[in-house]
Amino acid sequence: MLLFSIISVNAQESNPLEGRWDLEMEWMGKTVPSWLEIRKSGHETLIGRFVFAFGSARPVSEVKLTESGFTFSIPRQWEPEGEDMKFEGSLQGDLLQGVMHYTDGSQVNWTGKRAPKLTYTDKPAWGKSINLFNGKDLTGWHADNENQWVVKDGILTSPKSGANLISDDKFMDFKLHAEFRYPEGSNSGIYLRGRYEVQIADHKGLEASDINFSGIYGFLEPNENAAKAAGEWQTYDITLIGRRVTVVANGKTVINDQTIPGITGGALDSKEGEPGSFMIQGDHGPIEFKAFEVTPLKSE
């Protein structure tokens, strides 16, 4: 009853469950990142959003308080057919912990830490630009599975669906200039710090959406769809400082200094307070790059 008395607070006060939480789950023999947001809706009802190891952010219609903690459930998205995914959790000091009941009935243990505040500056001093792709080979990169990436005629190429490509170097705050193209119907993405996917896909002519071209997957919607036709070279110029991101797609500012709430599906980890690698998605479809230039923020 002590925990319940702590989290069942007056409607005018903040609830210690409220906020954004970086989760880790012991799933299929490995640790996978996830994310949870809990906030008030009205005076007393708690609602939220959840990001699993894959897929987009999903709404949580109600987080219910219990004598031992809290529960919520969400319908499956890309998971196998079965029951809704059900969560049981409790707050132990500054740590969330609990169990997820997966669609097949199996149980997955998870823990969560409050997502850190990330420092932002509106007067950035930039360091020296670094071209992470040398135009010759995969030096500075590694695949997360059996590698299909090759360098052909100075172009970094994933000719078929396969492994994701991860930079050896890690970055915190930066500007990125990337030039890429894809064939008809293909799908890829660039993960900033390995955690926040900027969608790349053959979406010319579609409505702007947070899951379409240049969106921060499942979170931030571009103000227009600036995608060119498949087969054409395209550009992203992306600035990420703290949680605030600006995306310029093919010369048009489509996301302007917006806050990324948390990690997106497919992230390498949920350690948001640490520098992270770039990851280029190669497990969805073919993609080519001829430039991948990073300008880091100068450290004080």
Protein backbone atom coordinates (compact mmCIF):
# COMPACT_ATOMS: atom_id res chain seq x y z
CA MET A 1 0.00 0.00 0.00
CA LEU A 2 2.94 2.35 0.48
CA LEU A 3 3.67 2.51 -3.26
CA PHE A 4 0.03 3.17 -4.05
CA SER A 5 -0.09 6.02 -1.57
CA ILE A 6 2.97 7.54 -3.24
CA ILE A 7 1.69 7.43 -6.82
CA SER A 8 -2.00 8.11 -6.11
CA VAL A 9 -1.52 11.81 -5.49
CA ASN A 10 -3.81 14.82 -5.56
CA ALA A 11 -4.97 15.75 -9.04
CA GLN A 12 -3.32 19.18 -8.74
CA GLU A 13 0.07 17.61 -8.01
CA SER A 14 2.38 15.81 -10.39
CA ASN A 15 2.42 12.04 -10.24
CA PRO A 16 5.92 10.51 -9.92
CA LEU A 17 5.04 8.16 -12.79
CA GLU A 18 4.63 11.11 -15.15
CA GLY A 19 7.43 11.72 -17.59
CA ARG A 20 9.43 9.91 -20.23
CA TRP A 21 11.25 6.69 -19.45
CA ASP A 22 14.05 4.90 -21.33
CA LEU A 23 13.36 1.18 -21.07
CA GLU A 24 15.40 -1.98 -21.57
CA MET A 25 13.72 -5.34 -22.15
CA GLU A 26 15.12 -8.85 -21.94
CA TRP A 27 13.54 -10.11 -25.15
CA MET A 28 14.45 -13.18 -27.22
CA GLY A 29 17.75 -13.66 -25.43
CA LYS A 30 19.02 -10.11 -25.74
CA THR A 31 18.48 -6.65 -24.29
CA VAL A 32 16.36 -4.44 -26.55
CA PRO A 33 15.54 -0.74 -26.12
CA SER A 34 12.02 0.59 -25.63
CA TRP A 35 10.44 3.84 -24.42
CA LEU A 36 7.45 4.91 -22.36
CA GLU A 37 5.75 8.24 -21.74
CA ILE A 38 3.14 8.70 -19.00
CA ARG A 39 1.17 11.93 -18.60
CA LYS A 40 -2.14 13.23 -17.29
CA SER A 41 -5.25 13.58 -19.41
CA GLY A 42 -7.65 15.83 -17.57
CA HIS A 43 -7.49 15.92 -13.78
CA GLU A 44 -6.69 12.34 -12.82
CA THR A 45 -6.56 9.96 -15.79
CA LEU A 46 -3.08 8.86 -16.88
CA ILE A 47 -2.42 8.13 -20.54
CA GLY A 48 0.78 7.61 -22.50
CA ARG A 49 2.79 6.50 -25.49
CA PHE A 50 4.95 3.42 -25.92
CA VAL A 51 7.71 2.48 -28.38
CA PHE A 52 8.74 -1.17 -28.61
CA ALA A 53 11.96 -2.52 -30.13
CA PHE A 54 10.36 -2.06 -33.56
CA GLY A 55 7.41 -0.15 -34.99
CA SER A 56 6.17 3.36 -34.32
CA ALA A 57 5.02 5.14 -31.17
CA ARG A 58 1.70 3.71 -29.98
CA PRO A 59 -0.91 5.49 -27.85
CA VAL A 60 -1.70 4.13 -24.39
CA SER A 61 -5.37 4.90 -23.72
CA GLU A 62 -5.12 4.58 -19.93
CA VAL A 63 -2.47 3.77 -17.36
CA LYS A 64 -4.35 2.23 -14.43
CA LEU A 65 -3.03 2.47 -10.88
CA THR A 66 -3.08 -0.65 -8.70
CA GLU A 67 -2.13 -1.38 -5.11
CA SER A 68 1.27 -2.62 -6.26
CA GLY A 69 1.94 -0.17 -9.10
CA PHE A 70 0.34 0.32 -12.52
CA THR A 71 -0.88 -1.56 -15.59
CA PHE A 72 -1.72 -0.77 -19.22
CA SER A 73 -2.27 -2.66 -22.45
CA ILE A 74 -1.80 -1.92 -26.15
CA PRO A 75 -2.92 -3.77 -29.28
CA ARG A 76 -0.29 -5.49 -31.40
CA GLN A 77 1.29 -3.57 -34.27
CA TRP A 78 3.84 -5.73 -36.14
CA GLU A 79 3.84 -8.50 -33.52
CA PRO A 80 2.51 -12.01 -34.21
CA GLU A 81 -1.22 -12.62 -33.81
CA GLY A 82 -2.41 -13.20 -30.28
CA GLU A 83 -3.48 -11.23 -27.24
CA ASP A 84 -2.97 -7.54 -26.62
CA MET A 85 0.39 -6.75 -25.05
CA LYS A 86 -0.15 -6.21 -21.31
CA PHE A 87 2.23 -4.39 -18.97
CA GLU A 88 2.60 -4.49 -15.20
CA GLY A 89 5.03 -2.14 -13.51
CA SER A 90 6.02 -0.41 -10.31
CA LEU A 91 8.15 2.50 -9.26
CA GLN A 92 11.08 1.49 -7.07
CA GLY A 93 12.93 4.65 -6.06
CA ASP A 94 13.99 6.24 -9.36
CA LEU A 95 13.61 3.01 -11.33
CA LEU A 96 10.62 1.54 -13.12
CA GLN A 97 10.48 -2.22 -13.39
CA GLY A 98 7.94 -4.73 -14.48
CA VAL A 99 6.76 -7.44 -16.86
CA MET A 100 5.35 -7.35 -20.38
CA HIS A 101 2.98 -10.15 -21.39
CA TYR A 102 3.69 -10.60 -25.09
CA THR A 103 1.10 -11.51 -27.74
CA ASP A 104 1.97 -15.22 -27.46
CA GLY A 105 1.60 -15.17 -23.67
CA SER A 106 5.31 -15.19 -22.87
CA GLN A 107 6.63 -12.83 -20.18
CA VAL A 108 9.35 -10.25 -20.74
CA ASN A 109 11.07 -8.48 -17.86
CA TRP A 110 11.87 -4.78 -18.29
CA THR A 111 13.39 -1.87 -16.41
CA GLY A 112 13.27 1.86 -17.04
CA LYS A 113 15.17 5.00 -16.12
CA ARG A 114 13.83 8.50 -16.41
CA ALA A 115 14.92 9.96 -19.75
CA PRO A 116 17.62 12.60 -19.24
CA LYS A 117 17.35 16.27 -20.03
CA LEU A 118 19.67 17.05 -22.93
CA THR A 119 21.56 20.33 -23.17
CA TYR A 120 20.60 22.71 -25.96
CA THR A 121 22.36 25.82 -27.24
CA ASP A 122 20.93 28.32 -29.71
CA LYS A 123 24.43 29.65 -30.46
CA PRO A 124 26.32 26.55 -31.58
CA ALA A 125 30.02 26.63 -32.42
CA TRP A 126 30.76 23.96 -34.99
CA GLY A 127 33.89 21.87 -35.30
CA LYS A 128 35.59 20.46 -38.36
CA SER A 129 33.47 18.51 -40.84
CA ILE A 130 34.11 14.78 -41.17
CA ASN A 131 33.20 12.70 -44.21
CA LEU A 132 32.26 9.33 -42.72
CA PHE A 133 32.25 7.68 -46.15
CA ASN A 134 35.63 7.62 -47.91
CA GLY A 135 34.28 6.60 -51.32
CA LYS A 136 36.48 3.49 -51.44
CA ASP A 137 35.44 0.94 -48.85
CA LEU A 138 33.55 0.40 -45.59
CA THR A 139 36.31 1.75 -43.34
CA GLY A 140 34.66 3.37 -40.30
CA TRP A 141 31.49 1.30 -40.55
CA HIS A 142 30.33 -2.16 -39.51
CA ALA A 143 27.23 -4.22 -40.26
CA ASP A 144 24.96 -5.56 -37.53
CA ASN A 145 24.49 -8.88 -39.33
CA GLU A 146 25.74 -10.66 -42.45
CA ASN A 147 26.96 -7.78 -44.58
CA GLN A 148 25.51 -6.97 -48.01
CA TRP A 149 26.88 -3.38 -48.20
CA VAL A 150 29.46 -2.67 -50.91
CA VAL A 151 31.21 0.34 -52.42
CA LYS A 152 30.73 0.47 -56.19
CA ASP A 153 31.99 3.29 -58.41
CA GLY A 154 32.42 5.50 -55.34
CA ILE A 155 28.85 4.85 -54.14
CA LEU A 156 27.99 3.19 -50.83
CA THR A 157 25.38 0.62 -51.84
CA SER A 158 23.02 -1.82 -50.21
CA PRO A 159 21.78 -3.75 -53.27
CA LYS A 160 19.23 -5.81 -51.35
CA SER A 161 17.57 -6.06 -47.97
CA GLY A 162 19.99 -7.26 -45.30
CA ALA A 163 22.06 -5.81 -42.47
CA ASN A 164 21.97 -2.29 -41.08
CA LEU A 165 25.21 -0.29 -41.31
CA ILE A 166 26.59 1.38 -38.16
CA SER A 167 29.30 4.02 -37.89
CA ASP A 168 32.25 3.23 -35.64
CA ASP A 169 32.41 6.83 -34.45
CA LYS A 170 29.80 8.22 -32.09
CA PHE A 171 28.42 11.74 -31.89
CA MET A 172 26.23 13.80 -29.58
CA ASP A 173 25.32 17.10 -31.27
CA PHE A 174 25.98 17.63 -34.98
CA LYS A 175 24.99 18.69 -38.45
CA LEU A 176 24.65 15.95 -41.07
CA HIS A 177 24.67 16.30 -44.85
CA ALA A 178 23.63 13.12 -46.65
CA GLU A 179 23.05 12.44 -50.36
CA PHE A 180 21.12 9.30 -51.24
CA ARG A 181 18.87 7.61 -53.76
CA TYR A 182 16.69 4.52 -53.82
CA PRO A 183 14.82 2.43 -56.39
CA GLU A 184 11.06 2.38 -56.76
CA GLY A 185 9.24 1.06 -53.71
CA SER A 186 12.29 0.98 -51.43
CA ASN A 187 12.49 1.98 -47.77
CA SER A 188 15.39 2.94 -45.51
CA GLY A 189 16.26 5.48 -42.85
CA ILE A 190 19.04 7.24 -40.96
CA TYR A 191 19.18 6.79 -37.19
CA LEU A 192 20.61 9.85 -35.42
CA ARG A 193 22.76 8.74 -32.46
CA GLY A 194 21.46 5.31 -33.42
CA ARG A 195 18.15 6.20 -31.70
CA TYR A 196 16.00 8.55 -33.77
CA GLU A 197 15.04 7.46 -37.29
CA VAL A 198 14.64 9.98 -40.08
CA GLN A 199 12.54 8.09 -42.59
CA ILE A 200 13.75 7.49 -46.14
CA ALA A 201 11.25 5.89 -48.50
CA ASP A 202 9.68 6.09 -51.94
CA HIS A 203 6.85 8.38 -50.88
CA LYS A 204 6.71 11.03 -53.62
CA GLY A 205 3.16 12.36 -53.91
CA LEU A 206 1.96 11.03 -50.55
CA GLU A 207 0.64 13.20 -47.74
CA ALA A 208 3.24 14.36 -45.23
CA SER A 209 3.30 12.02 -42.24
CA ASP A 210 5.51 11.13 -39.30
CA ILE A 211 6.01 7.68 -40.86
CA ASN A 212 6.67 8.97 -44.38
CA PHE A 213 9.64 10.60 -46.10
CA SER A 214 11.68 12.92 -43.80
CA GLY A 215 9.52 12.30 -40.73
CA ILE A 216 11.03 11.42 -37.36
CA TYR A 217 9.45 8.00 -37.37
CA GLY A 218 6.22 7.91 -35.38
CA PHE A 219 6.86 11.26 -33.67
CA LEU A 220 7.45 14.36 -35.84
CA GLU A 221 5.56 15.09 -39.05
CA PRO A 222 7.24 17.20 -41.76
CA ASN A 223 5.30 20.27 -42.85
CA GLU A 224 5.39 19.05 -46.46
CA ASN A 225 6.47 16.02 -48.47
CA ALA A 226 9.63 17.13 -50.30
CA ALA A 227 10.48 13.69 -51.72
CA LYS A 228 11.73 13.40 -55.27
CA ALA A 229 11.00 10.50 -57.57
CA ALA A 230 12.71 7.15 -57.01
CA GLY A 231 16.03 6.96 -58.84
CA GLU A 232 16.88 10.64 -58.30
CA TRP A 233 19.61 11.83 -55.95
CA GLN A 234 18.18 13.51 -52.85
CA THR A 235 19.61 15.35 -49.84
CA TYR A 236 19.03 15.63 -46.12
CA ASP A 237 20.63 18.38 -44.06
CA ILE A 238 19.90 17.57 -40.43
CA THR A 239 20.85 19.46 -37.28
CA LEU A 240 20.48 17.74 -33.90
CA ILE A 241 21.32 19.59 -30.67
CA GLY A 242 20.02 18.03 -27.48
CA ARG A 243 16.55 16.78 -28.40
CA ARG A 244 15.88 19.53 -30.92
CA VAL A 245 16.07 18.63 -34.59
CA THR A 246 15.83 20.48 -37.88
CA VAL A 247 15.44 18.54 -41.13
CA VAL A 248 16.01 20.15 -44.52
CA ALA A 249 14.91 17.74 -47.27
CA ASN A 250 15.96 18.55 -50.83
CA GLY A 251 16.50 22.19 -49.85
CA LYS A 252 13.17 22.61 -48.01
CA THR A 253 12.96 22.98 -44.22
CA VAL A 254 10.33 20.38 -43.37
CA ILE A 255 10.97 20.07 -39.61
CA ASN A 256 12.14 23.24 -37.87
CA ASP A 257 13.74 23.04 -34.41
CA GLN A 258 11.31 20.48 -33.01
CA THR A 259 11.75 18.29 -29.92
CA ILE A 260 12.17 14.54 -30.39
CA PRO A 261 10.29 12.97 -27.44
CA GLY A 262 12.20 9.68 -27.33
CA ILE A 263 13.75 6.79 -29.22
CA THR A 264 12.04 5.39 -32.30
CA GLY A 265 11.48 1.73 -33.14
CA GLY A 266 14.60 -0.11 -34.27
CA ALA A 267 16.98 1.98 -32.15
CA LEU A 268 20.37 0.56 -31.19
CA ASP A 269 19.83 1.41 -27.52
CA SER A 270 17.86 3.69 -25.19
CA LYS A 271 20.86 5.40 -23.56
CA GLU A 272 19.72 8.87 -24.58
CA GLY A 273 22.25 10.75 -22.47
CA GLU A 274 25.22 9.27 -24.32
CA PRO A 275 26.76 9.92 -27.77
CA GLY A 276 25.66 7.41 -30.37
CA SER A 277 26.54 6.01 -33.77
CA PHE A 278 24.80 6.74 -37.02
CA MET A 279 22.89 3.75 -38.32
CA ILE A 280 21.70 3.41 -41.92
CA GLN A 281 18.76 1.06 -42.25
CA GLY A 282 19.52 -1.75 -44.66
CA ASP A 283 17.01 -4.37 -43.57
CA HIS A 284 14.03 -2.91 -45.51
CA GLY A 285 15.23 -2.26 -49.05
CA PRO A 286 18.03 -1.12 -51.39
CA ILE A 287 19.63 2.29 -50.81
CA GLU A 288 22.68 4.20 -52.09
CA PHE A 289 24.73 7.04 -50.57
CA LYS A 290 27.36 9.22 -52.19
CA ALA A 291 27.89 11.63 -49.25
CA PHE A 292 27.65 11.34 -45.48
CA GLU A 293 29.32 14.39 -43.93
CA VAL A 294 29.12 15.17 -40.22
CA THR A 295 30.00 18.45 -38.49
CA PRO A 296 30.10 17.96 -34.71
CA LEU A 297 29.40 20.66 -32.17
CA LYS A 298 32.60 21.94 -30.59
CA SER A 299 33.10 20.66 -27.08
CA GLU A 300 33.70 23.33 -24.45
